[in-house]
Structures are given as C-alpha cells and as structure tokens.
Amino acid sequence: MDFYHAFLTLTLVHLLGAASPGPDFVMVSQQSLMHGRRAGLLVSLGIALGLSIHIIYSSVGLATVISESSMVLSVMKYLAAAYLIYLGWKGIRSKAAVGDSDDGVAVKPRSAMKLIGMGFVCNALNPKAPLYFLSVFTLVLSPEMPVSELALLGAWMMFVQLVWFGSVAMVLSKPAVQAKFKKIGHWVDRVLGSVMLAFGIKLLFTSSTK
C-alpha cells in the first residue's frame, strides 16, 4: 500500500476507532460538562499524547509481543481497571458546586498538567490498544515504509485523536449546553462517574487473552 492510500485508510479507520464510545469519551464528556472547555481540551490533549505510547511500541514491533503476553495484558488490565474505578468513584461522590445548591462547595480548577495527565494515563493504560494497533499496523502500514513516513502517520493519528475529542469538548462546553447542565451538574458527574466505574469493573472481569 502506497503512502497516499495508507494515509486515507488510516484516517478513516482511526477516526472510527476514536469515535467509538469508551473511557476516553466519557472522561472528555465529564470534564467538559463539569469543568468547561479548558478542562475538556486539556484532557483531549492528554489522550492524544497517550496515543504516542501505543504508536512507539507498535512501530518497533512490540504490539505483537504485548498482545500475546497474558502477563503484560493482565498488568495493563488491572492498572487500567483500578484507575477507571478510582475516577468513577470520585465522580459518584461529586458534590454540587457553588451556585448549584445552597450548601454546595467550591470546585477548585485542576492544573493543566493534572488534566493532561488524566487523559494520558486513561489512554496509555488501555489494554485493548495493543490489539487495535496490531490490526492497524498489519492492515495499513508496511515494514518497508521509511521511518519518516511511519513518524508522519503516527503524528497524524495523534492529531486525528486530538481533533475528535477536542471537538467533543468544544460542543459540550458551549454556553447553551453548560446552561442546561448548570443546575444538575453534580448529578451528571455522578452518572458519568457510574459509567466510568462500570467500564472499570467490566475491564476487571474481562479475559486478558485474545
């Protein structure tokens, strides 16, 4: 497959993959609705940066090793499940912010590094990623491709990821959307936290083998 066709195929495949509902989508939605555009965009950036981990090990041929190692997949699975359960529990315990209720407490804005880190860890620990990237690299990319082309396509995947989740953050942080969720924001946080918790529990009891 030449570079042009690889580029088009990769764009379509990865956009569909990014748009699939999962922990990344829930996290961006939660942060955008609860903490605004800045939080949503920074988490989106972290998710895109987390993608670099999968791209690097896939480009050097480690995706096959990881996907066939039950021990490595199990470690990734338990770490990811623990992280998702932790985030979900925090969301469920969410309290109303000032202005949402008379006895609410102020919500302190998270630092940029913390928000980026949240997105990075959520994506980087995804135990399903090795199989996904193994499929992508088998279907689209070729070992004969120059390193420069592999690097360019990898960077493009990160850009597609950032654009998709950045768009989600932009939509959910619009004033009209924010106004609708202002009074019930903490309940939305609890619902999304429950979804995140469910992802973690489901992952915990999912087999690490193919």
C-alpha atoms as a PDB file:
ATOM      1  CA  MET A   1       0.000   0.000   0.000  1.00  0.00           C
ATOM      2  CA  ASP A   2       1.482   3.354  -1.043  1.00  0.00           C
ATOM      3  CA  PHE A   3       1.660   6.310   1.335  1.00  0.00           C
ATOM      4  CA  TYR A   4      -1.383   8.098  -0.113  1.00  0.00           C
ATOM      5  CA  HIS A   5      -3.706   5.105   0.273  1.00  0.00           C
ATOM      6  CA  ALA A   6      -2.212   4.279   3.673  1.00  0.00           C
ATOM      7  CA  PHE A   7      -2.911   7.845   4.777  1.00  0.00           C
ATOM      8  CA  LEU A   8      -6.565   7.764   3.677  1.00  0.00           C
ATOM      9  CA  THR A   9      -7.214   4.292   5.088  1.00  0.00           C
ATOM     10  CA  LEU A  10      -5.536   5.121   8.380  1.00  0.00           C
ATOM     11  CA  THR A  11      -7.539   8.339   8.703  1.00  0.00           C
ATOM     12  CA  LEU A  12     -10.861   6.543   8.226  1.00  0.00           C
ATOM     13  CA  VAL A  13     -10.011   3.577  10.451  1.00  0.00           C
ATOM     14  CA  HIS A  14      -8.606   5.689  13.258  1.00  0.00           C
ATOM     15  CA  LEU A  15     -11.420   8.234  13.168  1.00  0.00           C
ATOM     16  CA  LEU A  16     -13.932   5.404  13.558  1.00  0.00           C
ATOM     17  CA  GLY A  17     -11.842   3.984  16.385  1.00  0.00           C
ATOM     18  CA  ALA A  18     -11.589   7.330  18.163  1.00  0.00           C
ATOM     19  CA  ALA A  19     -15.336   7.936  17.830  1.00  0.00           C
ATOM     20  CA  SER A  20     -16.221   4.596  19.428  1.00  0.00           C
ATOM     21  CA  PRO A  21     -17.672   5.083  22.939  1.00  0.00           C
ATOM     22  CA  GLY A  22     -15.229   4.235  25.692  1.00  0.00           C
ATOM     23  CA  PRO A  23     -13.426   5.570  28.784  1.00  0.00           C
ATOM     24  CA  ASP A  24     -11.703   8.342  26.786  1.00  0.00           C
ATOM     25  CA  PHE A  25     -15.037   9.657  25.525  1.00  0.00           C
ATOM     26  CA  VAL A  26     -16.605   9.507  28.983  1.00  0.00           C
ATOM     27  CA  MET A  27     -13.665  11.356  30.530  1.00  0.00           C
ATOM     28  CA  VAL A  28     -13.737  14.162  27.950  1.00  0.00           C
ATOM     29  CA  SER A  29     -17.515  14.478  28.318  1.00  0.00           C
ATOM     30  CA  GLN A  30     -17.304  14.570  32.095  1.00  0.00           C
ATOM     31  CA  GLN A  31     -14.544  17.168  32.238  1.00  0.00           C
ATOM     32  CA  SER A  32     -16.129  19.355  29.545  1.00  0.00           C
ATOM     33  CA  LEU A  33     -19.564  19.353  31.163  1.00  0.00           C
ATOM     34  CA  MET A  34     -18.358  19.787  34.713  1.00  0.00           C
ATOM     35  CA  HIS A  35     -15.287  21.980  34.350  1.00  0.00           C
ATOM     36  CA  GLY A  36     -15.641  23.691  30.988  1.00  0.00           C
ATOM     37  CA  ARG A  37     -13.779  23.975  27.706  1.00  0.00           C
ATOM     38  CA  ARG A  38     -10.281  24.319  29.167  1.00  0.00           C
ATOM     39  CA  ALA A  39     -10.570  21.060  31.104  1.00  0.00           C
ATOM     40  CA  GLY A  40     -12.063  19.189  28.149  1.00  0.00           C
ATOM     41  CA  LEU A  41      -9.379  20.363  25.727  1.00  0.00           C
ATOM     42  CA  LEU A  42      -6.509  19.609  28.119  1.00  0.00           C
ATOM     43  CA  VAL A  43      -7.817  16.097  28.765  1.00  0.00           C
ATOM     44  CA  SER A  44      -8.167  15.661  24.982  1.00  0.00           C
ATOM     45  CA  LEU A  45      -4.526  16.696  24.587  1.00  0.00           C
ATOM     46  CA  GLY A  46      -3.508  14.142  27.207  1.00  0.00           C
ATOM     47  CA  ILE A  47      -5.422  11.402  25.381  1.00  0.00           C
ATOM     48  CA  ALA A  48      -3.695  12.297  22.108  1.00  0.00           C
ATOM     49  CA  LEU A  49      -0.291  12.255  23.828  1.00  0.00           C
ATOM     50  CA  GLY A  50      -1.108   8.893  25.415  1.00  0.00           C
ATOM     51  CA  LEU A  51      -1.546   7.543  21.918  1.00  0.00           C
ATOM     52  CA  SER A  52       2.181   8.090  21.340  1.00  0.00           C
ATOM     53  CA  ILE A  53       2.971   5.195  23.700  1.00  0.00           C
ATOM     54  CA  HIS A  54       0.996   2.751  21.557  1.00  0.00           C
ATOM     55  CA  ILE A  55       2.414   4.171  18.323  1.00  0.00           C
ATOM     56  CA  ILE A  56       6.012   3.836  19.524  1.00  0.00           C
ATOM     57  CA  TYR A  57       5.804   0.226  20.678  1.00  0.00           C
ATOM     58  CA  SER A  58       3.805  -0.739  17.588  1.00  0.00           C
ATOM     59  CA  SER A  59       6.296   0.865  15.216  1.00  0.00           C
ATOM     60  CA  VAL A  60       9.149  -1.188  16.681  1.00  0.00           C
ATOM     61  CA  GLY A  61       7.174  -4.422  16.517  1.00  0.00           C
ATOM     62  CA  LEU A  62       6.256  -4.792  20.190  1.00  0.00           C
ATOM     63  CA  ALA A  63       2.494  -4.783  19.611  1.00  0.00           C
ATOM     64  CA  THR A  64       2.609  -8.489  18.738  1.00  0.00           C
ATOM     65  CA  VAL A  65       4.685  -9.314  21.823  1.00  0.00           C
ATOM     66  CA  ILE A  66       2.372  -7.354  24.125  1.00  0.00           C
ATOM     67  CA  SER A  67      -0.833  -8.715  22.597  1.00  0.00           C
ATOM     68  CA  GLU A  68       0.425 -12.296  23.016  1.00  0.00           C
ATOM     69  CA  SER A  69       1.725 -11.830  26.570  1.00  0.00           C
ATOM     70  CA  SER A  70      -1.044 -12.618  29.045  1.00  0.00           C
ATOM     71  CA  MET A  71       1.078 -11.284  31.907  1.00  0.00           C
ATOM     72  CA  VAL A  72       1.645  -7.867  30.296  1.00  0.00           C
ATOM     73  CA  LEU A  73      -2.005  -7.588  29.289  1.00  0.00           C
ATOM     74  CA  SER A  74      -3.096  -8.583  32.790  1.00  0.00           C
ATOM     75  CA  VAL A  75      -0.909  -5.908  34.378  1.00  0.00           C
ATOM     76  CA  MET A  76      -2.273  -3.294  31.969  1.00  0.00           C
ATOM     77  CA  LYS A  77      -5.814  -4.521  32.599  1.00  0.00           C
ATOM     78  CA  TYR A  78      -5.619  -4.298  36.385  1.00  0.00           C
ATOM     79  CA  LEU A  79      -3.905  -0.908  36.342  1.00  0.00           C
ATOM     80  CA  ALA A  80      -6.468   0.480  33.904  1.00  0.00           C
ATOM     81  CA  ALA A  81      -9.389  -1.026  35.842  1.00  0.00           C
ATOM     82  CA  ALA A  82      -8.110   0.423  39.119  1.00  0.00           C
ATOM     83  CA  TYR A  83      -7.700   3.855  37.539  1.00  0.00           C
ATOM     84  CA  LEU A  84     -11.179   3.835  35.970  1.00  0.00           C
ATOM     85  CA  ILE A  85     -12.790   2.644  39.204  1.00  0.00           C
ATOM     86  CA  TYR A  86     -10.969   5.395  41.101  1.00  0.00           C
ATOM     87  CA  LEU A  87     -12.159   8.073  38.654  1.00  0.00           C
ATOM     88  CA  GLY A  88     -15.674   6.645  38.663  1.00  0.00           C
ATOM     89  CA  TRP A  89     -15.856   6.640  42.444  1.00  0.00           C
ATOM     90  CA  LYS A  90     -14.692  10.261  42.544  1.00  0.00           C
ATOM     91  CA  GLY A  91     -17.443  11.180  40.088  1.00  0.00           C
ATOM     92  CA  ILE A  92     -20.112   9.348  42.079  1.00  0.00           C
ATOM     93  CA  ARG A  93     -19.055  11.224  45.224  1.00  0.00           C
ATOM     94  CA  SER A  94     -19.298  14.561  43.398  1.00  0.00           C
ATOM     95  CA  LYS A  95     -20.873  17.429  45.311  1.00  0.00           C
ATOM     96  CA  ALA A  96     -22.749  20.393  43.909  1.00  0.00           C
ATOM     97  CA  ALA A  97     -20.603  23.405  43.121  1.00  0.00           C
ATOM     98  CA  VAL A  98     -21.333  26.897  44.412  1.00  0.00           C
ATOM     99  CA  GLY A  99     -24.350  28.204  42.546  1.00  0.00           C
ATOM    100  CA  ASP A 100     -25.735  24.711  42.038  1.00  0.00           C
ATOM    101  CA  SER A 101     -27.055  24.416  45.571  1.00  0.00           C
ATOM    102  CA  ASP A 102     -27.202  26.429  48.763  1.00  0.00           C
ATOM    103  CA  ASP A 103     -24.878  24.112  50.645  1.00  0.00           C
ATOM    104  CA  GLY A 104     -22.521  23.375  47.753  1.00  0.00           C
ATOM    105  CA  VAL A 105     -18.778  23.699  47.936  1.00  0.00           C
ATOM    106  CA  ALA A 106     -16.498  25.479  45.520  1.00  0.00           C
ATOM    107  CA  VAL A 107     -14.821  23.386  42.858  1.00  0.00           C
ATOM    108  CA  LYS A 108     -11.128  24.195  42.599  1.00  0.00           C
ATOM    109  CA  PRO A 109      -9.882  24.215  38.982  1.00  0.00           C
ATOM    110  CA  ARG A 110      -7.426  21.429  38.244  1.00  0.00           C
ATOM    111  CA  SER A 111      -3.960  22.283  36.983  1.00  0.00           C
ATOM    112  CA  ALA A 112      -3.153  21.882  33.291  1.00  0.00           C
ATOM    113  CA  MET A 113      -0.616  19.135  33.997  1.00  0.00           C
ATOM    114  CA  LYS A 114      -3.105  17.164  36.090  1.00  0.00           C
ATOM    115  CA  LEU A 115      -5.759  17.328  33.382  1.00  0.00           C
ATOM    116  CA  ILE A 116      -3.286  16.336  30.655  1.00  0.00           C
ATOM    117  CA  GLY A 117      -2.026  13.545  32.905  1.00  0.00           C
ATOM    118  CA  MET A 118      -5.550  12.219  33.445  1.00  0.00           C
ATOM    119  CA  GLY A 119      -6.117  11.903  29.703  1.00  0.00           C
ATOM    120  CA  PHE A 120      -2.648  10.464  29.107  1.00  0.00           C
ATOM    121  CA  VAL A 121      -2.988   7.711  31.709  1.00  0.00           C
ATOM    122  CA  CYS A 122      -6.543   6.831  30.633  1.00  0.00           C
ATOM    123  CA  ASN A 123      -5.410   6.239  27.053  1.00  0.00           C
ATOM    124  CA  ALA A 124      -1.952   4.786  27.695  1.00  0.00           C
ATOM    125  CA  LEU A 125      -3.265   2.085  30.053  1.00  0.00           C
ATOM    126  CA  ASN A 126      -5.937   0.846  27.651  1.00  0.00           C
ATOM    127  CA  PRO A 127      -5.287  -2.932  27.487  1.00  0.00           C
ATOM    128  CA  LYS A 128      -7.243  -3.203  24.236  1.00  0.00           C
ATOM    129  CA  ALA A 129      -4.879  -0.821  22.455  1.00  0.00           C
ATOM    130  CA  PRO A 130      -2.138  -3.372  21.578  1.00  0.00           C
ATOM    131  CA  LEU A 131      -4.612  -5.493  19.602  1.00  0.00           C
ATOM    132  CA  TYR A 132      -6.075  -2.416  17.916  1.00  0.00           C
ATOM    133  CA  PHE A 133      -2.687  -1.072  16.893  1.00  0.00           C
ATOM    134  CA  LEU A 134      -1.506  -4.514  15.814  1.00  0.00           C
ATOM    135  CA  SER A 135      -4.506  -4.621  13.470  1.00  0.00           C
ATOM    136  CA  VAL A 136      -3.860  -1.095  12.202  1.00  0.00           C
ATOM    137  CA  PHE A 137      -0.183  -1.711  11.581  1.00  0.00           C
ATOM    138  CA  THR A 138      -0.959  -5.018   9.862  1.00  0.00           C
ATOM    139  CA  LEU A 139      -3.745  -3.612   7.695  1.00  0.00           C
ATOM    140  CA  VAL A 140      -2.354  -0.215   6.769  1.00  0.00           C
ATOM    141  CA  LEU A 141       1.351   0.089   7.416  1.00  0.00           C
ATOM    142  CA  SER A 142       4.259  -1.804   5.958  1.00  0.00           C
ATOM    143  CA  PRO A 143       7.641  -2.743   7.468  1.00  0.00           C
ATOM    144  CA  GLU A 144       9.226  -1.384   4.289  1.00  0.00           C
ATOM    145  CA  MET A 145       7.895   2.116   4.999  1.00  0.00           C
ATOM    146  CA  PRO A 146      10.588   4.706   5.757  1.00  0.00           C
ATOM    147  CA  VAL A 147      10.823   5.807   9.384  1.00  0.00           C
ATOM    148  CA  SER A 148       9.870   9.330   8.313  1.00  0.00           C
ATOM    149  CA  GLU A 149       6.568   8.083   6.862  1.00  0.00           C
ATOM    150  CA  LEU A 150       5.808   5.986   9.940  1.00  0.00           C
ATOM    151  CA  ALA A 151       6.509   9.004  12.143  1.00  0.00           C
ATOM    152  CA  LEU A 152       4.289  11.206   9.998  1.00  0.00           C
ATOM    153  CA  LEU A 153       1.401   8.738  10.087  1.00  0.00           C
ATOM    154  CA  GLY A 154       1.817   8.303  13.837  1.00  0.00           C
ATOM    155  CA  ALA A 155       1.703  12.063  14.362  1.00  0.00           C
ATOM    156  CA  TRP A 156      -1.369  12.210  12.125  1.00  0.00           C
ATOM    157  CA  MET A 157      -3.142   9.599  14.282  1.00  0.00           C
ATOM    158  CA  MET A 158      -2.468  11.745  17.351  1.00  0.00           C
ATOM    159  CA  PHE A 159      -3.793  14.801  15.511  1.00  0.00           C
ATOM    160  CA  VAL A 160      -6.983  12.974  14.474  1.00  0.00           C
ATOM    161  CA  GLN A 161      -7.461  11.879  18.086  1.00  0.00           C
ATOM    162  CA  LEU A 162      -6.980  15.446  19.329  1.00  0.00           C
ATOM    163  CA  VAL A 163      -9.352  16.927  16.739  1.00  0.00           C
ATOM    164  CA  TRP A 164     -12.098  14.412  17.529  1.00  0.00           C
ATOM    165  CA  PHE A 165     -12.009  14.736  21.302  1.00  0.00           C
ATOM    166  CA  GLY A 166     -11.316  18.465  21.061  1.00  0.00           C
ATOM    167  CA  SER A 167     -14.494  18.785  19.001  1.00  0.00           C
ATOM    168  CA  VAL A 168     -16.432  16.847  21.643  1.00  0.00           C
ATOM    169  CA  ALA A 169     -15.049  19.193  24.302  1.00  0.00           C
ATOM    170  CA  MET A 170     -15.958  22.282  22.263  1.00  0.00           C
ATOM    171  CA  VAL A 171     -19.548  21.136  21.745  1.00  0.00           C
ATOM    172  CA  LEU A 172     -20.162  20.089  25.345  1.00  0.00           C
ATOM    173  CA  SER A 173     -18.620  23.288  26.734  1.00  0.00           C
ATOM    174  CA  LYS A 174     -20.821  25.648  24.705  1.00  0.00           C
ATOM    175  CA  PRO A 175     -22.712  28.169  26.886  1.00  0.00           C
ATOM    176  CA  ALA A 176     -26.087  26.777  25.808  1.00  0.00           C
ATOM    177  CA  VAL A 177     -25.075  23.250  26.822  1.00  0.00           C
ATOM    178  CA  GLN A 178     -23.438  24.455  30.034  1.00  0.00           C
ATOM    179  CA  ALA A 179     -26.582  26.393  30.988  1.00  0.00           C
ATOM    180  CA  LYS A 180     -28.724  23.261  30.719  1.00  0.00           C
ATOM    181  CA  PHE A 181     -26.404  21.303  32.984  1.00  0.00           C
ATOM    182  CA  LYS A 182     -25.715  24.092  35.494  1.00  0.00           C
ATOM    183  CA  LYS A 183     -28.388  23.047  37.975  1.00  0.00           C
ATOM    184  CA  ILE A 184     -27.851  19.307  37.650  1.00  0.00           C
ATOM    185  CA  GLY A 185     -24.124  19.286  37.003  1.00  0.00           C
ATOM    186  CA  HIS A 186     -23.202  17.185  40.029  1.00  0.00           C
ATOM    187  CA  TRP A 187     -25.813  14.595  39.045  1.00  0.00           C
ATOM    188  CA  VAL A 188     -24.341  14.430  35.544  1.00  0.00           C
ATOM    189  CA  ASP A 189     -20.931  13.930  37.143  1.00  0.00           C
ATOM    190  CA  ARG A 190     -22.358  11.072  39.195  1.00  0.00           C
ATOM    191  CA  VAL A 191     -23.944   9.417  36.161  1.00  0.00           C
ATOM    192  CA  LEU A 192     -20.746   9.693  34.102  1.00  0.00           C
ATOM    193  CA  GLY A 193     -18.786   8.532  37.134  1.00  0.00           C
ATOM    194  CA  SER A 194     -21.028   5.474  37.305  1.00  0.00           C
ATOM    195  CA  VAL A 195     -20.343   4.785  33.620  1.00  0.00           C
ATOM    196  CA  MET A 196     -16.600   5.089  34.245  1.00  0.00           C
ATOM    197  CA  LEU A 197     -16.927   2.774  37.248  1.00  0.00           C
ATOM    198  CA  ALA A 198     -18.825   0.276  35.091  1.00  0.00           C
ATOM    199  CA  PHE A 199     -16.049   0.370  32.482  1.00  0.00           C
ATOM    200  CA  GLY A 200     -13.511  -0.365  35.212  1.00  0.00           C
ATOM    201  CA  ILE A 201     -15.483  -3.254  36.695  1.00  0.00           C
ATOM    202  CA  LYS A 202     -16.186  -4.729  33.261  1.00  0.00           C
ATOM    203  CA  LEU A 203     -12.498  -4.494  32.390  1.00  0.00           C
ATOM    204  CA  LEU A 204     -11.580  -6.124  35.691  1.00  0.00           C
ATOM    205  CA  PHE A 205     -13.587  -9.234  34.805  1.00  0.00           C
ATOM    206  CA  THR A 206     -12.628  -9.339  31.125  1.00  0.00           C
ATOM    207  CA  SER A 207     -10.232 -12.040  29.992  1.00  0.00           C
ATOM    208  CA  SER A 208      -6.753 -10.793  29.111  1.00  0.00           C
ATOM    209  CA  THR A 209      -6.353 -13.398  26.405  1.00  0.00           C
ATOM    210  CA  LYS A 210      -7.444 -12.969  22.794  1.00  0.00           C
END
